[in-house]
PDB file of N, CA and C in Angstrom:
ATOM      1  N   UNK A   1    -121.309 -20.128 198.353  1.00  0.00           N
ATOM      2  CA  UNK A   1    -121.365 -21.556 198.276  1.00  0.00           C
ATOM      3  C   UNK A   1    -122.236 -21.926 197.085  1.00  0.00           C
ATOM      4  N   UNK A   2    -121.849 -22.932 196.334  1.00  0.00           N
ATOM      5  CA  UNK A   2    -122.614 -23.399 195.180  1.00  0.00           C
ATOM      6  C   UNK A   2    -123.222 -24.750 195.534  1.00  0.00           C
ATOM      7  N   UNK A   3    -124.518 -24.893 195.251  1.00  0.00           N
ATOM      8  CA  UNK A   3    -125.244 -26.104 195.621  1.00  0.00           C
ATOM      9  C   UNK A   3    -125.906 -26.683 194.384  1.00  0.00           C
ATOM     10  N   UNK A   4    -125.787 -28.008 194.230  1.00  0.00           N
ATOM     11  CA  UNK A   4    -126.470 -28.703 193.138  1.00  0.00           C
ATOM     12  C   UNK A   4    -127.861 -29.097 193.619  1.00  0.00           C
ATOM     13  N   UNK A   5    -128.880 -28.767 192.852  1.00  0.00           N
ATOM     14  CA  UNK A   5    -130.247 -29.166 193.173  1.00  0.00           C
ATOM     15  C   UNK A   5    -130.856 -29.808 191.942  1.00  0.00           C
ATOM     16  N   UNK A   6    -132.067 -30.326 192.092  1.00  0.00           N
ATOM     17  CA  UNK A   6    -132.737 -30.933 190.944  1.00  0.00           C
ATOM     18  C   UNK A   6    -133.066 -29.883 189.882  1.00  0.00           C
ATOM     19  N   UNK A   7    -133.191 -28.632 190.301  1.00  0.00           N
ATOM     20  CA  UNK A   7    -133.497 -27.553 189.365  1.00  0.00           C
ATOM     21  C   UNK A   7    -132.247 -27.023 188.672  1.00  0.00           C
ATOM     22  N   UNK A   8    -131.081 -27.376 189.167  1.00  0.00           N
ATOM     23  CA  UNK A   8    -129.838 -26.886 188.579  1.00  0.00           C
ATOM     24  C   UNK A   8    -128.860 -26.488 189.649  1.00  0.00           C
ATOM     25  N   UNK A   9    -127.974 -25.591 189.292  1.00  0.00           N
ATOM     26  CA  UNK A   9    -126.957 -25.119 190.223  1.00  0.00           C
ATOM     27  C   UNK A   9    -127.405 -23.782 190.793  1.00  0.00           C
ATOM     28  N   UNK A  10    -127.330 -23.661 192.106  1.00  0.00           N
ATOM     29  CA  UNK A  10    -127.716 -22.415 192.755  1.00  0.00           C
ATOM     30  C   UNK A  10    -126.548 -21.880 193.556  1.00  0.00           C
ATOM     31  N   UNK A  11    -126.451 -20.572 193.596  1.00  0.00           N
ATOM     32  CA  UNK A  11    -125.449 -19.936 194.443  1.00  0.00           C
ATOM     33  C   UNK A  11    -126.127 -19.506 195.726  1.00  0.00           C
ATOM     34  N   UNK A  12    -125.562 -19.904 196.845  1.00  0.00           N
ATOM     35  CA  UNK A  12    -126.108 -19.524 198.143  1.00  0.00           C
ATOM     36  C   UNK A  12    -125.100 -18.649 198.857  1.00  0.00           C
ATOM     37  N   UNK A  13    -125.584 -17.714 199.673  1.00  0.00           N
ATOM     38  CA  UNK A  13    -124.655 -16.866 200.417  1.00  0.00           C
ATOM     39  C   UNK A  13    -123.913 -17.676 201.474  1.00  0.00           C
ATOM     40  N   UNK A  14    -122.771 -17.166 201.875  1.00  0.00           N
ATOM     41  CA  UNK A  14    -122.010 -17.809 202.947  1.00  0.00           C
ATOM     42  C   UNK A  14    -122.839 -17.805 204.221  1.00  0.00           C
ATOM     43  N   UNK A  15    -122.474 -18.655 205.168  1.00  0.00           N
ATOM     44  CA  UNK A  15    -123.252 -18.816 206.397  1.00  0.00           C
ATOM     45  C   UNK A  15    -123.383 -17.512 207.185  1.00  0.00           C
ATOM     46  N   UNK A  16    -122.365 -16.669 207.147  1.00  0.00           N
ATOM     47  CA  UNK A  16    -122.426 -15.430 207.928  1.00  0.00           C
ATOM     48  C   UNK A  16    -123.090 -14.278 207.178  1.00  0.00           C
ATOM     49  N   UNK A  17    -123.450 -14.481 205.914  1.00  0.00           N
ATOM     50  CA  UNK A  17    -124.112 -13.452 205.117  1.00  0.00           C
ATOM     51  C   UNK A  17    -125.623 -13.563 205.317  1.00  0.00           C
ATOM     52  N   UNK A  18    -126.297 -12.461 205.627  1.00  0.00           N
ATOM     53  CA  UNK A  18    -127.749 -12.541 205.808  1.00  0.00           C
ATOM     54  C   UNK A  18    -128.451 -12.864 204.491  1.00  0.00           C
ATOM     55  N   UNK A  19    -129.543 -13.602 204.588  1.00  0.00           N
ATOM     56  CA  UNK A  19    -130.311 -13.969 203.403  1.00  0.00           C
ATOM     57  C   UNK A  19    -131.152 -12.793 202.928  1.00  0.00           C
ATOM     58  N   UNK A  20    -131.412 -12.772 201.635  1.00  0.00           N
ATOM     59  CA  UNK A  20    -132.332 -11.767 201.106  1.00  0.00           C
ATOM     60  C   UNK A  20    -133.732 -12.104 201.619  1.00  0.00           C
ATOM     61  N   UNK A  21    -134.642 -11.141 201.617  1.00  0.00           N
ATOM     62  CA  UNK A  21    -136.004 -11.433 202.086  1.00  0.00           C
ATOM     63  C   UNK A  21    -136.663 -12.589 201.323  1.00  0.00           C
ATOM     64  N   UNK A  22    -136.441 -12.656 200.018  1.00  0.00           N
ATOM     65  CA  UNK A  22    -137.030 -13.738 199.227  1.00  0.00           C
ATOM     66  C   UNK A  22    -136.427 -15.081 199.607  1.00  0.00           C
ATOM     67  N   UNK A  23    -135.113 -15.137 199.745  1.00  0.00           N
ATOM     68  CA  UNK A  23    -134.453 -16.387 200.120  1.00  0.00           C
ATOM     69  C   UNK A  23    -134.871 -16.822 201.519  1.00  0.00           C
ATOM     70  N   UNK A  24    -134.982 -15.863 202.426  1.00  0.00           N
ATOM     71  CA  UNK A  24    -135.418 -16.179 203.787  1.00  0.00           C
ATOM     72  C   UNK A  24    -136.842 -16.730 203.773  1.00  0.00           C
ATOM     73  N   UNK A  25    -137.734 -16.090 203.016  1.00  0.00           N
ATOM     74  CA  UNK A  25    -139.120 -16.543 202.903  1.00  0.00           C
ATOM     75  C   UNK A  25    -139.182 -17.955 202.329  1.00  0.00           C
ATOM     76  N   UNK A  26    -138.440 -18.197 201.256  1.00  0.00           N
ATOM     77  CA  UNK A  26    -138.428 -19.524 200.634  1.00  0.00           C
ATOM     78  C   UNK A  26    -137.914 -20.584 201.598  1.00  0.00           C
ATOM     79  N   UNK A  27    -136.876 -20.253 202.357  1.00  0.00           N
ATOM     80  CA  UNK A  27    -136.332 -21.206 203.318  1.00  0.00           C
ATOM     81  C   UNK A  27    -137.359 -21.523 204.399  1.00  0.00           C
ATOM     82  N   UNK A  28    -138.052 -20.497 204.886  1.00  0.00           N
ATOM     83  CA  UNK A  28    -139.071 -20.718 205.919  1.00  0.00           C
ATOM     84  C   UNK A  28    -140.229 -21.566 205.382  1.00  0.00           C
ATOM     85  N   UNK A  29    -140.627 -21.338 204.139  1.00  0.00           N
ATOM     86  CA  UNK A  29    -141.701 -22.131 203.530  1.00  0.00           C
ATOM     87  C   UNK A  29    -141.296 -23.599 203.473  1.00  0.00           C
ATOM     88  N   UNK A  30    -140.070 -23.867 203.050  1.00  0.00           N
ATOM     89  CA  UNK A  30    -139.590 -25.255 202.984  1.00  0.00           C
ATOM     90  C   UNK A  30    -139.555 -25.868 204.382  1.00  0.00           C
ATOM     91  N   UNK A  31    -139.093 -25.115 205.374  1.00  0.00           N
ATOM     92  CA  UNK A  31    -139.078 -25.625 206.755  1.00  0.00           C
ATOM     93  C   UNK A  31    -140.488 -25.954 207.228  1.00  0.00           C
ATOM     94  N   UNK A  32    -141.462 -25.082 206.936  1.00  0.00           N
ATOM     95  CA  UNK A  32    -142.845 -25.329 207.345  1.00  0.00           C
ATOM     96  C   UNK A  32    -143.406 -26.562 206.642  1.00  0.00           C
ATOM     97  N   UNK A  33    -143.102 -26.698 205.340  1.00  0.00           N
ATOM     98  CA  UNK A  33    -143.596 -27.850 204.592  1.00  0.00           C
ATOM     99  C   UNK A  33    -143.037 -29.149 205.161  1.00  0.00           C
ATOM    100  N   UNK A  34    -141.755 -29.152 205.486  1.00  0.00           N
ATOM    101  CA  UNK A  34    -141.136 -30.348 206.059  1.00  0.00           C
ATOM    102  C   UNK A  34    -141.755 -30.652 207.415  1.00  0.00           C
ATOM    103  N   UNK A  35    -141.920 -29.634 208.254  1.00  0.00           N
ATOM    104  CA  UNK A  35    -142.509 -29.845 209.580  1.00  0.00           C
ATOM    105  C   UNK A  35    -143.937 -30.369 209.464  1.00  0.00           C
ATOM    106  N   UNK A  36    -144.737 -29.777 208.573  1.00  0.00           N
ATOM    107  CA  UNK A  36    -146.118 -30.223 208.397  1.00  0.00           C
ATOM    108  C   UNK A  36    -146.178 -31.650 207.862  1.00  0.00           C
ATOM    109  N   UNK A  37    -145.278 -31.981 206.931  1.00  0.00           N
ATOM    110  CA  UNK A  37    -145.235 -33.344 206.397  1.00  0.00           C
ATOM    111  C   UNK A  37    -144.900 -34.339 207.497  1.00  0.00           C
ATOM    112  N   UNK A  38    -143.892 -34.020 208.311  1.00  0.00           N
ATOM    113  CA  UNK A  38    -143.503 -34.930 209.390  1.00  0.00           C
ATOM    114  C   UNK A  38    -144.614 -35.073 210.425  1.00  0.00           C
ATOM    115  N   UNK A  39    -145.302 -33.985 210.726  1.00  0.00           N
ATOM    116  CA  UNK A  39    -146.423 -34.054 211.661  1.00  0.00           C
ATOM    117  C   UNK A  39    -147.528 -34.946 211.107  1.00  0.00           C
ATOM    118  N   UNK A  40    -147.857 -34.784 209.832  1.00  0.00           N
ATOM    119  CA  UNK A  40    -148.887 -35.615 209.205  1.00  0.00           C
ATOM    120  C   UNK A  40    -148.472 -37.075 209.178  1.00  0.00           C
ATOM    121  N   UNK A  41    -147.211 -37.320 208.871  1.00  0.00           N
ATOM    122  CA  UNK A  41    -146.706 -38.691 208.836  1.00  0.00           C
ATOM    123  C   UNK A  41    -146.790 -39.332 210.216  1.00  0.00           C
ATOM    124  N   UNK A  42    -146.381 -38.611 211.245  1.00  0.00           N
ATOM    125  CA  UNK A  42    -146.447 -39.138 212.618  1.00  0.00           C
ATOM    126  C   UNK A  42    -147.892 -39.409 213.023  1.00  0.00           C
ATOM    127  N   UNK A  43    -148.804 -38.504 212.678  1.00  0.00           N
ATOM    128  CA  UNK A  43    -150.217 -38.704 213.008  1.00  0.00           C
ATOM    129  C   UNK A  43    -150.778 -39.930 212.295  1.00  0.00           C
ATOM    130  N   UNK A  44    -150.415 -40.111 211.024  1.00  0.00           N
ATOM    131  CA  UNK A  44    -150.894 -41.265 210.265  1.00  0.00           C
ATOM    132  C   UNK A  44    -150.374 -42.565 210.854  1.00  0.00           C
ATOM    133  N   UNK A  45    -149.102 -42.587 211.192  1.00  0.00           N
ATOM    134  CA  UNK A  45    -148.518 -43.785 211.795  1.00  0.00           C
ATOM    135  C   UNK A  45    -149.187 -44.079 213.129  1.00  0.00           C
ATOM    136  N   UNK A  46    -149.432 -43.052 213.923  1.00  0.00           N
ATOM    137  CA  UNK A  46    -150.077 -43.253 215.225  1.00  0.00           C
ATOM    138  C   UNK A  46    -151.487 -43.797 215.063  1.00  0.00           C
ATOM    139  N   UNK A  47    -152.246 -43.303 214.070  1.00  0.00           N
ATOM    140  CA  UNK A  47    -153.596 -43.810 213.840  1.00  0.00           C
ATOM    141  C   UNK A  47    -153.573 -45.280 213.446  1.00  0.00           C
ATOM    142  N   UNK A  48    -152.624 -45.662 212.585  1.00  0.00           N
ATOM    143  CA  UNK A  48    -152.511 -47.062 212.171  1.00  0.00           C
ATOM    144  C   UNK A  48    -152.147 -47.936 213.362  1.00  0.00           C
ATOM    145  N   UNK A  49    -151.203 -47.486 214.171  1.00  0.00           N
ATOM    146  CA  UNK A  49    -150.807 -48.263 215.345  1.00  0.00           C
ATOM    147  C   UNK A  49    -151.953 -48.380 216.345  1.00  0.00           C
ATOM    148  N   UNK A  50    -152.689 -47.299 216.542  1.00  0.00           N
ATOM    149  CA  UNK A  50    -153.828 -47.338 217.462  1.00  0.00           C
ATOM    150  C   UNK A  50    -154.908 -48.294 216.968  1.00  0.00           C
ATOM    151  N   UNK A  51    -155.169 -48.277 215.668  1.00  0.00           N
ATOM    152  CA  UNK A  51    -156.209 -49.138 215.105  1.00  0.00           C
ATOM    153  C   UNK A  51    -155.808 -50.608 215.162  1.00  0.00           C
ATOM    154  N   UNK A  52    -154.513 -50.891 215.077  1.00  0.00           N
ATOM    155  CA  UNK A  52    -154.040 -52.270 215.074  1.00  0.00           C
ATOM    156  C   UNK A  52    -153.803 -52.814 216.476  1.00  0.00           C
ATOM    157  N   UNK A  53    -153.867 -51.976 217.466  1.00  0.00           N
ATOM    158  CA  UNK A  53    -153.550 -52.387 218.834  1.00  0.00           C
ATOM    159  C   UNK A  53    -154.692 -53.193 219.448  1.00  0.00           C
ATOM    160  N   UNK A  54    -154.398 -54.376 220.007  1.00  0.00           N
ATOM    161  CA  UNK A  54    -155.449 -55.142 220.687  1.00  0.00           C
ATOM    162  C   UNK A  54    -156.013 -54.370 221.880  1.00  0.00           C
ATOM    163  N   UNK A  55    -155.163 -53.602 222.550  1.00  0.00           N
ATOM    164  CA  UNK A  55    -155.639 -52.799 223.678  1.00  0.00           C
ATOM    165  C   UNK A  55    -156.679 -51.794 223.204  1.00  0.00           C
ATOM    166  N   UNK A  56    -156.437 -51.193 222.047  1.00  0.00           N
ATOM    167  CA  UNK A  56    -157.382 -50.207 221.511  1.00  0.00           C
ATOM    168  C   UNK A  56    -158.717 -50.876 221.199  1.00  0.00           C
ATOM    169  N   UNK A  57    -158.680 -52.091 220.650  1.00  0.00           N
ATOM    170  CA  UNK A  57    -159.930 -52.787 220.349  1.00  0.00           C
ATOM    171  C   UNK A  57    -160.687 -53.105 221.633  1.00  0.00           C
ATOM    172  N   UNK A  58    -159.969 -53.531 222.670  1.00  0.00           N
ATOM    173  CA  UNK A  58    -160.614 -53.818 223.952  1.00  0.00           C
ATOM    174  C   UNK A  58    -161.187 -52.539 224.559  1.00  0.00           C
ATOM    175  N   UNK A  59    -160.460 -51.458 224.426  1.00  0.00           N
ATOM    176  CA  UNK A  59    -160.932 -50.182 224.954  1.00  0.00           C
ATOM    177  C   UNK A  59    -162.217 -49.764 224.246  1.00  0.00           C
ATOM    178  N   UNK A  60    -162.271 -49.970 222.935  1.00  0.00           N
ATOM    179  CA  UNK A  60    -163.467 -49.615 222.182  1.00  0.00           C
ATOM    180  C   UNK A  60    -164.663 -50.427 222.668  1.00  0.00           C
ATOM    181  N   UNK A  61    -164.467 -51.725 222.906  1.00  0.00           N
ATOM    182  CA  UNK A  61    -165.553 -52.553 223.417  1.00  0.00           C
ATOM    183  C   UNK A  61    -165.978 -52.087 224.804  1.00  0.00           C
ATOM    184  N   UNK A  62    -165.008 -51.742 225.644  1.00  0.00           N
ATOM    185  CA  UNK A  62    -165.327 -51.254 226.984  1.00  0.00           C
ATOM    186  C   UNK A  62    -166.087 -49.932 226.911  1.00  0.00           C
ATOM    187  N   UNK A  63    -165.703 -49.063 225.977  1.00  0.00           N
ATOM    188  CA  UNK A  63    -166.415 -47.793 225.816  1.00  0.00           C
ATOM    189  C   UNK A  63    -167.861 -48.042 225.400  1.00  0.00           C
ATOM    190  N   UNK A  64    -168.079 -49.026 224.528  1.00  0.00           N
ATOM    191  CA  UNK A  64    -169.448 -49.351 224.112  1.00  0.00           C
ATOM    192  C   UNK A  64    -170.254 -49.878 225.293  1.00  0.00           C
ATOM    193  N   UNK A  65    -169.619 -50.698 226.141  1.00  0.00           N
ATOM    194  CA  UNK A  65    -170.305 -51.199 227.332  1.00  0.00           C
ATOM    195  C   UNK A  65    -170.700 -50.044 228.252  1.00  0.00           C
ATOM    196  N   UNK A  66    -169.789 -49.109 228.439  1.00  0.00           N
ATOM    197  CA  UNK A  66    -170.078 -47.956 229.298  1.00  0.00           C
ATOM    198  C   UNK A  66    -171.204 -47.123 228.699  1.00  0.00           C
ATOM    199  N   UNK A  67    -171.179 -46.923 227.393  1.00  0.00           N
ATOM    200  CA  UNK A  67    -172.253 -46.166 226.744  1.00  0.00           C
ATOM    201  C   UNK A  67    -173.592 -46.872 226.926  1.00  0.00           C
ATOM    202  N   UNK A  68    -173.577 -48.206 226.820  1.00  0.00           N
ATOM    203  CA  UNK A  68    -174.808 -48.972 227.019  1.00  0.00           C
ATOM    204  C   UNK A  68    -175.330 -48.833 228.434  1.00  0.00           C
ATOM    205  N   UNK A  69    -174.430 -48.847 229.399  1.00  0.00           N
ATOM    206  CA  UNK A  69    -174.847 -48.718 230.798  1.00  0.00           C
ATOM    207  C   UNK A  69    -175.361 -47.318 231.110  1.00  0.00           C
ATOM    208  N   UNK A  70    -174.732 -46.319 230.531  1.00  0.00           N
ATOM    209  CA  UNK A  70    -175.157 -44.944 230.822  1.00  0.00           C
ATOM    210  C   UNK A  70    -176.460 -44.587 230.121  1.00  0.00           C
ATOM    211  N   UNK A  71    -176.815 -45.323 229.072  1.00  0.00           N
ATOM    212  CA  UNK A  71    -178.056 -45.014 228.358  1.00  0.00           C
ATOM    213  C   UNK A  71    -179.270 -45.708 228.978  1.00  0.00           C
ATOM    214  N   UNK A  72    -179.034 -46.593 229.961  1.00  0.00           N
ATOM    215  CA  UNK A  72    -180.154 -47.260 230.624  1.00  0.00           C
ATOM    216  C   UNK A  72    -180.946 -46.255 231.455  1.00  0.00           C
ATOM    217  N   UNK A  73    -182.268 -46.407 231.460  1.00  0.00           N
ATOM    218  CA  UNK A  73    -183.058 -45.494 232.307  1.00  0.00           C
ATOM    219  C   UNK A  73    -182.801 -45.784 233.779  1.00  0.00           C
ATOM    220  N   UNK A  74    -182.752 -44.750 234.580  1.00  0.00           N
ATOM    221  CA  UNK A  74    -182.470 -44.958 236.008  1.00  0.00           C
ATOM    222  C   UNK A  74    -183.717 -44.975 236.842  1.00  0.00           C
TER     223      UNK A  74
END
């Protein structure tokens, strides 16, 4: 199979042909990079959503109240 990429034209083995060790390694690296990027993106989006949430702000105030109560001498 011939594939057009930004680097040029590459020849890839057919689907039933095993990959060379180098090609397999390169494919796994790209898969890991994509997975890590998506994980980082999801974490960043979650942090932004948590910071913007009114519930999160109320929870933070409640946590401060609890900390204040627990720091009182008994």
